């Protein structure tokens, strides 16, 4: 973070030292801009993916947003400009590693919906964007880079899950989907099917052992989990309606009434690269201890009667001017 902040300070110092030497230019839609560097590389093109740092400020130098503060640059795809605030008029004027100041009139941003203008932005003021281009890629290049990074992260996630299973000596069975499971108590009757309604008690944990959700009050209290207003009872799931994560949809079909299991669910069958809440980070493998308390059979699809087989041994005799008759020989 210190490195990012120092980079931001250096950029601001450079921009303000160069202001006196740069002419302000205006775009057709009314944005003002100053390019502080003029790198010789190719200019940004429509459909390019641009990674850049940006600081958004008011005329009073109050910072509204800073990518340096959040710790990573912004990434967008360049499209034809739709309004003055999208900055798309200016990106094609820049090359990789260029820096620029873009000033957008507040009146233009809120034209037609003036009541939505926040009080700290005066009507005749400008919103300033200090932009530093970090990377320019074609869409194909960006997708290839993203896929390579995803494969790297997913491989690391798989390794971490395997290490957890080995360290805890869990006799898990693996499915082609990536779901791993252990039946810790057998139930009775048939296994759950699509359309069935199942009542499930559960406890969800991260690989680090953090309990992030449970239907059991005793577990919540022991873990110090705060769930105000939670009604502790089995939750109801109708299989096939996709109201739960894919790992649950697949895992619950392995169980019959009364069965208990531990489901080890990869992020691809859970919350993926976004994660969920404070406890479930991106690309997190999750552990669920589940109990299928009750199985209520759902409607089964109607079965189609098999087509009638032709009767063999039939002979047909046709005489001119007579009706066709069949003689059937039964075997």
Protein backbone atom coordinates (compact mmCIF):
# COMPACT_ATOMS: atom_id res chain seq x y z
CA UNK A 1 0.00 0.00 0.00
CA UNK A 2 2.86 2.39 0.80
CA UNK A 3 4.33 1.72 -2.63
CA UNK A 4 0.99 2.47 -4.32
CA UNK A 5 0.53 5.64 -2.32
CA UNK A 6 4.04 6.86 -3.10
CA UNK A 7 3.37 6.18 -6.78
CA UNK A 8 0.18 8.25 -6.55
CA UNK A 9 2.04 11.13 -4.88
CA UNK A 10 4.74 11.04 -7.55
CA UNK A 11 2.11 11.09 -10.29
CA UNK A 12 0.32 14.06 -8.77
CA UNK A 13 3.60 15.95 -8.36
CA UNK A 14 4.51 15.25 -11.97
CA UNK A 15 1.11 16.37 -13.25
CA UNK A 16 1.07 19.64 -11.37
CA UNK A 17 4.65 20.43 -12.39
CA UNK A 18 3.69 19.91 -16.03
CA UNK A 19 0.45 21.91 -16.02
CA UNK A 20 2.08 25.15 -17.13
CA UNK A 21 3.54 23.48 -20.22
CA UNK A 22 0.41 21.71 -21.49
CA UNK A 23 -2.50 23.16 -23.42
CA UNK A 24 -6.02 22.23 -22.31
CA UNK A 25 -8.07 20.64 -25.10
CA UNK A 26 -11.83 20.05 -25.20
CA UNK A 27 -13.61 17.01 -26.61
CA UNK A 28 -16.76 17.30 -28.75
CA UNK A 29 -18.92 16.35 -25.74
CA UNK A 30 -17.34 19.03 -23.54
CA UNK A 31 -14.71 17.23 -21.45
CA UNK A 32 -11.42 19.07 -20.96
CA UNK A 33 -8.19 17.10 -20.99
CA UNK A 34 -4.44 17.46 -20.70
CA UNK A 35 -2.08 14.68 -21.77
CA UNK A 36 1.06 14.91 -19.64
CA UNK A 37 3.04 12.23 -21.44
CA UNK A 38 3.20 11.38 -25.11
CA UNK A 39 4.48 7.85 -25.42
CA UNK A 40 5.30 6.69 -28.92
CA UNK A 41 3.41 3.40 -28.81
CA UNK A 42 0.14 2.81 -30.65
CA UNK A 43 -2.93 4.64 -29.39
CA UNK A 44 -5.71 2.81 -27.58
CA UNK A 45 -8.30 1.41 -29.97
CA UNK A 46 -11.99 0.59 -29.64
CA UNK A 47 -12.53 -2.85 -28.06
CA UNK A 48 -9.10 -2.74 -26.37
CA UNK A 49 -8.94 -3.71 -22.71
CA UNK A 50 -7.31 -0.93 -20.69
CA UNK A 51 -5.91 -1.31 -17.19
CA UNK A 52 -5.35 2.02 -15.48
CA UNK A 53 -5.10 3.82 -12.17
CA UNK A 54 -7.46 6.70 -11.60
CA UNK A 55 -8.06 9.33 -8.95
CA UNK A 56 -11.43 11.12 -9.03
CA UNK A 57 -11.52 14.55 -7.39
CA UNK A 58 -13.75 17.59 -6.94
CA UNK A 59 -12.72 21.14 -7.76
CA UNK A 60 -11.83 21.52 -4.09
CA UNK A 61 -9.31 18.67 -4.38
CA UNK A 62 -11.47 16.31 -2.31
CA UNK A 63 -10.82 12.72 -3.42
CA UNK A 64 -14.05 10.92 -4.32
CA UNK A 65 -12.42 7.70 -5.51
CA UNK A 66 -8.89 6.38 -5.85
CA UNK A 67 -7.78 3.06 -7.31
CA UNK A 68 -4.55 3.51 -5.35
CA UNK A 69 -6.57 3.40 -2.14
CA UNK A 70 -8.42 0.18 -3.03
CA UNK A 71 -5.10 -1.40 -3.94
CA UNK A 72 -5.56 -2.33 -7.61
CA UNK A 73 -6.12 -0.59 -10.95
CA UNK A 74 -9.39 -0.38 -12.86
CA UNK A 75 -9.97 -2.39 -16.03
CA UNK A 76 -12.46 -1.54 -18.78
CA UNK A 77 -13.12 -2.25 -22.43
CA UNK A 78 -13.06 0.83 -24.64
CA UNK A 79 -16.38 1.45 -26.38
CA UNK A 80 -17.84 4.36 -28.37
CA UNK A 81 -18.60 7.22 -26.01
CA UNK A 82 -22.19 7.39 -24.77
CA UNK A 83 -21.81 10.41 -22.48
CA UNK A 84 -19.17 12.88 -21.40
CA UNK A 85 -18.53 11.12 -18.08
CA UNK A 86 -17.54 7.72 -19.54
CA UNK A 87 -14.11 9.11 -20.60
CA UNK A 88 -14.30 7.10 -23.82
CA UNK A 89 -13.56 10.19 -25.91
CA UNK A 90 -10.14 10.52 -24.29
CA UNK A 91 -8.86 6.93 -24.10
CA UNK A 92 -8.23 6.70 -27.90
CA UNK A 93 -5.95 9.75 -27.54
CA UNK A 94 -3.65 7.93 -25.13
CA UNK A 95 -0.99 5.23 -25.44
CA UNK A 96 0.27 2.69 -22.95
CA UNK A 97 1.92 4.34 -19.90
CA UNK A 98 0.44 7.76 -20.72
CA UNK A 99 -0.90 10.01 -17.96
CA UNK A 100 -3.67 12.56 -18.35
CA UNK A 101 -6.00 14.89 -16.49
CA UNK A 102 -9.63 14.81 -17.63
CA UNK A 103 -12.18 17.33 -16.36
CA UNK A 104 -15.86 16.60 -16.82
CA UNK A 105 -18.47 19.37 -16.26
CA UNK A 106 -20.88 18.48 -13.49
CA UNK A 107 -23.78 20.10 -15.37
CA UNK A 108 -23.30 17.63 -18.23
CA UNK A 109 -23.08 14.61 -15.94
CA UNK A 110 -26.40 15.36 -14.22
CA UNK A 111 -28.22 16.91 -17.16
CA UNK A 112 -31.88 15.85 -17.02
CA UNK A 113 -31.65 14.53 -13.46
CA UNK A 114 -30.26 17.52 -11.59
CA UNK A 115 -31.91 16.49 -8.33
CA UNK A 116 -29.53 13.53 -8.10
CA UNK A 117 -26.48 15.80 -7.97
CA UNK A 118 -24.84 15.44 -4.53
CA UNK A 119 -24.44 18.64 -2.50
CA UNK A 120 -20.63 18.49 -2.54
CA UNK A 121 -20.64 18.97 -6.34
CA UNK A 122 -21.60 22.50 -7.31
CA UNK A 123 -23.51 23.00 -10.54
CA UNK A 124 -20.77 24.86 -12.44
CA UNK A 125 -17.86 22.78 -11.17
CA UNK A 126 -15.87 19.94 -12.68
CA UNK A 127 -15.12 16.37 -11.71
CA UNK A 128 -11.44 15.67 -12.35
CA UNK A 129 -9.97 12.30 -13.29
CA UNK A 130 -6.22 11.80 -13.03
CA UNK A 131 -5.52 8.76 -15.19
CA UNK A 132 -2.37 6.65 -15.54
CA UNK A 133 -2.51 3.91 -18.21
CA UNK A 134 -0.83 0.74 -16.95
CA UNK A 135 -1.60 -1.80 -19.68
CA UNK A 136 -3.33 -1.95 -23.07
CA UNK A 137 -4.41 -5.32 -24.48
CA UNK A 138 -6.59 -6.66 -27.23
CA UNK A 139 -9.63 -8.58 -26.04
CA UNK A 140 -7.98 -11.88 -27.04
CA UNK A 141 -4.82 -11.01 -25.10
CA UNK A 142 -6.80 -10.03 -22.00
CA UNK A 143 -8.88 -13.21 -22.12
CA UNK A 144 -5.79 -15.38 -22.52
CA UNK A 145 -4.13 -13.67 -19.57
CA UNK A 146 -7.26 -14.02 -17.45
CA UNK A 147 -7.67 -17.71 -18.30
CA UNK A 148 -4.04 -18.41 -17.43
CA UNK A 149 -4.43 -16.61 -14.12
CA UNK A 150 -7.67 -18.47 -13.35
CA UNK A 151 -6.02 -21.82 -14.05
CA UNK A 152 -3.17 -20.89 -11.74
CA UNK A 153 -5.55 -19.87 -8.94
CA UNK A 154 -7.76 -22.96 -9.39
CA UNK A 155 -4.70 -25.22 -9.29
CA UNK A 156 -3.58 -23.56 -6.05
CA UNK A 157 -7.08 -24.00 -4.60
CA UNK A 158 -7.10 -27.70 -5.51
CA UNK A 159 -3.67 -28.20 -3.95
CA UNK A 160 -4.77 -26.49 -0.75
CA UNK A 161 -7.90 -28.68 -0.53
CA UNK A 162 -5.90 -31.86 -1.14
CA UNK A 163 -3.41 -30.85 1.56
CA UNK A 164 -6.30 -30.29 3.98
CA UNK A 165 -7.78 -33.70 3.21
CA UNK A 166 -4.43 -35.41 3.63
CA UNK A 167 -3.56 -33.58 6.85
CA UNK A 168 -6.93 -34.47 8.39
CA UNK A 169 -6.92 -38.02 6.97
CA UNK A 170 -10.36 -37.60 5.43
CA UNK A 171 -11.41 -40.70 3.39
CA UNK A 172 -13.12 -38.56 0.76
CA UNK A 173 -14.63 -39.85 -2.48
CA UNK A 174 -14.16 -37.59 -5.50
CA UNK A 175 -16.68 -36.96 -8.28
CA UNK A 176 -15.80 -35.76 -11.81
CA UNK A 177 -17.37 -32.37 -10.99
CA UNK A 178 -14.74 -31.76 -8.31
CA UNK A 179 -17.09 -32.40 -5.40
CA UNK A 180 -15.60 -34.58 -2.65
CA UNK A 181 -17.65 -36.20 0.07
CA UNK A 182 -17.67 -38.58 3.02
CA UNK A 183 -20.83 -40.36 4.20
CA UNK A 184 -20.48 -40.30 7.99
CA UNK A 185 -23.83 -41.95 8.72
CA UNK A 186 -26.00 -44.06 6.44
CA UNK A 187 -29.69 -43.30 6.13
CA UNK A 188 -32.66 -45.35 4.99
CA UNK A 189 -34.73 -45.53 1.84
CA UNK A 190 -33.86 -44.25 -1.60
CA UNK A 191 -31.57 -41.32 -2.29
CA UNK A 192 -32.92 -37.85 -2.95
CA UNK A 193 -33.94 -37.05 -6.52
CA UNK A 194 -34.80 -33.97 -8.54
CA UNK A 195 -38.19 -32.66 -7.42
CA UNK A 196 -37.88 -34.01 -3.88
CA UNK A 197 -38.19 -31.64 -0.95
CA UNK A 198 -35.52 -32.25 1.66
CA UNK A 199 -35.06 -30.80 5.14
CA UNK A 200 -31.38 -30.31 5.94
CA UNK A 201 -29.37 -29.40 9.02
CA UNK A 202 -25.94 -28.07 8.17
CA UNK A 203 -22.79 -26.31 9.31
CA UNK A 204 -20.57 -24.48 6.83
CA UNK A 205 -16.85 -23.99 7.47
CA UNK A 206 -13.81 -22.69 5.63
CA UNK A 207 -10.65 -24.77 5.34
CA UNK A 208 -9.24 -22.56 8.10
CA UNK A 209 -12.01 -23.83 10.40
CA UNK A 210 -14.12 -20.67 10.46
CA UNK A 211 -17.84 -21.45 10.91
CA UNK A 212 -19.66 -18.99 8.64
CA UNK A 213 -23.21 -20.40 8.77
CA UNK A 214 -25.22 -23.12 10.51
CA UNK A 215 -28.79 -24.21 11.15
CA UNK A 216 -27.82 -25.54 14.60
CA UNK A 217 -28.04 -23.13 17.53
CA UNK A 218 -25.56 -25.09 19.67
CA UNK A 219 -22.94 -24.93 16.90
CA UNK A 220 -23.53 -21.21 16.37
CA UNK A 221 -23.10 -20.49 20.08
CA UNK A 222 -19.94 -22.61 20.34
CA UNK A 223 -18.44 -20.85 17.32
CA UNK A 224 -19.45 -17.38 18.51
CA UNK A 225 -21.44 -16.93 15.31
CA UNK A 226 -23.82 -13.98 15.42
CA UNK A 227 -27.04 -14.63 13.49
CA UNK A 228 -29.60 -12.18 14.89
CA UNK A 229 -33.18 -13.28 14.32
CA UNK A 230 -32.10 -16.67 12.97
CA UNK A 231 -34.70 -19.39 13.38
CA UNK A 232 -32.58 -22.48 14.07
CA UNK A 233 -34.21 -25.36 12.27
CA UNK A 234 -33.54 -27.50 9.18
CA UNK A 235 -33.78 -25.58 5.96
CA UNK A 236 -36.03 -26.73 3.14
CA UNK A 237 -34.59 -27.37 -0.31
CA UNK A 238 -36.49 -28.48 -3.40
CA UNK A 239 -33.91 -30.24 -5.51
CA UNK A 240 -33.64 -29.05 -9.09
CA UNK A 241 -34.78 -25.49 -8.46
CA UNK A 242 -31.18 -24.24 -8.01
CA UNK A 243 -31.93 -22.29 -4.85
CA UNK A 244 -28.68 -23.52 -3.30
CA UNK A 245 -25.11 -23.73 -4.58
CA UNK A 246 -24.30 -26.42 -7.15
CA UNK A 247 -22.24 -28.37 -4.61
CA UNK A 248 -25.34 -28.79 -2.45
CA UNK A 249 -27.53 -29.76 -5.40
CA UNK A 250 -25.09 -32.55 -6.24
CA UNK A 251 -24.20 -33.51 -2.68
CA UNK A 252 -27.75 -33.88 -1.38
CA UNK A 253 -28.51 -36.37 -4.15
CA UNK A 254 -25.94 -38.69 -2.57
CA UNK A 255 -28.01 -38.95 0.61
CA UNK A 256 -31.15 -40.66 1.79
CA UNK A 257 -33.28 -39.82 4.81
CA UNK A 258 -31.26 -39.77 8.02
CA UNK A 259 -27.90 -39.76 6.24
CA UNK A 260 -25.08 -37.47 7.35
CA UNK A 261 -22.10 -36.41 5.29
CA UNK A 262 -19.26 -33.95 4.93
CA UNK A 263 -19.22 -32.21 1.56
CA UNK A 264 -15.96 -30.67 0.39
CA UNK A 265 -17.08 -28.19 -2.24
CA UNK A 266 -14.67 -26.38 -4.60
CA UNK A 267 -15.32 -22.76 -5.42
CA UNK A 268 -16.44 -23.75 -8.93
CA UNK A 269 -19.49 -25.37 -7.29
CA UNK A 270 -19.86 -22.68 -4.62
CA UNK A 271 -19.19 -18.93 -4.78
CA UNK A 272 -16.44 -18.84 -7.40
CA UNK A 273 -14.17 -15.89 -7.90
CA UNK A 274 -16.49 -13.45 -6.11
CA UNK A 275 -16.74 -15.19 -2.77
CA UNK A 276 -19.56 -14.34 -0.36
CA UNK A 277 -19.48 -11.97 2.57
CA UNK A 278 -16.47 -11.39 4.79
CA UNK A 279 -15.73 -15.02 5.61
CA UNK A 280 -15.81 -16.62 2.14
CA UNK A 281 -13.07 -15.20 -0.05
CA UNK A 282 -12.69 -15.65 -3.81
CA UNK A 283 -11.84 -19.20 -4.92
CA UNK A 284 -12.61 -20.70 -1.50
CA UNK A 285 -13.16 -24.42 -1.03
CA UNK A 286 -15.90 -24.92 1.58
CA UNK A 287 -16.76 -27.71 4.01
CA UNK A 288 -20.37 -28.51 4.84
CA UNK A 289 -21.44 -31.03 7.46
CA UNK A 290 -24.98 -31.91 6.40
CA UNK A 291 -27.77 -34.14 7.68
CA UNK A 292 -30.75 -34.99 5.51
CA UNK A 293 -33.39 -34.91 8.25
CA UNK A 294 -36.41 -35.67 6.10
CA UNK A 295 -37.10 -36.53 2.48
CA UNK A 296 -40.50 -35.72 1.02
CA UNK A 297 -40.84 -37.34 -2.42
CA UNK A 298 -41.67 -34.98 -5.24
CA UNK A 299 -43.75 -35.64 -8.33
CA UNK A 300 -42.11 -38.13 -10.65
CA UNK A 301 -42.25 -37.58 -14.40
CA UNK A 302 -44.87 -39.73 -16.14
CA UNK A 303 -43.45 -42.85 -17.74
CA UNK A 304 -44.23 -43.59 -21.37
CA UNK A 305 -45.63 -47.05 -22.13
CA UNK A 306 -43.30 -49.05 -24.41
CA UNK A 307 -44.39 -49.30 -28.02
CA UNK A 308 -46.26 -52.54 -28.92
CA UNK A 309 -44.09 -55.07 -30.67
CA UNK A 310 -45.30 -56.31 -34.06
CA UNK A 311 -46.85 -59.80 -34.08
CA UNK A 312 -44.66 -62.19 -36.00
CA UNK A 313 -45.84 -65.00 -38.25
CA UNK A 314 -48.65 -63.02 -39.90
CA UNK A 315 -49.46 -63.83 -43.51
CA UNK A 316 -51.39 -61.55 -45.81
CA UNK A 317 -53.35 -62.88 -48.78
CA UNK A 318 -54.74 -60.46 -51.34
CA UNK A 319 -57.23 -61.47 -53.97
CA UNK A 320 -58.55 -59.21 -56.64
CA UNK A 321 -61.80 -57.60 -55.59
CA UNK A 322 -61.62 -58.85 -52.01
CA UNK A 323 -60.77 -57.27 -48.64
CA UNK A 324 -57.32 -57.78 -47.20
CA UNK A 325 -57.31 -60.26 -44.32
CA UNK A 326 -54.51 -61.32 -42.04
CA UNK A 327 -54.01 -64.80 -40.76
CA UNK A 328 -52.19 -64.81 -37.43
CA UNK A 329 -50.26 -67.76 -36.22
CA UNK A 330 -49.63 -67.67 -32.47
CA UNK A 331 -46.41 -69.11 -31.15
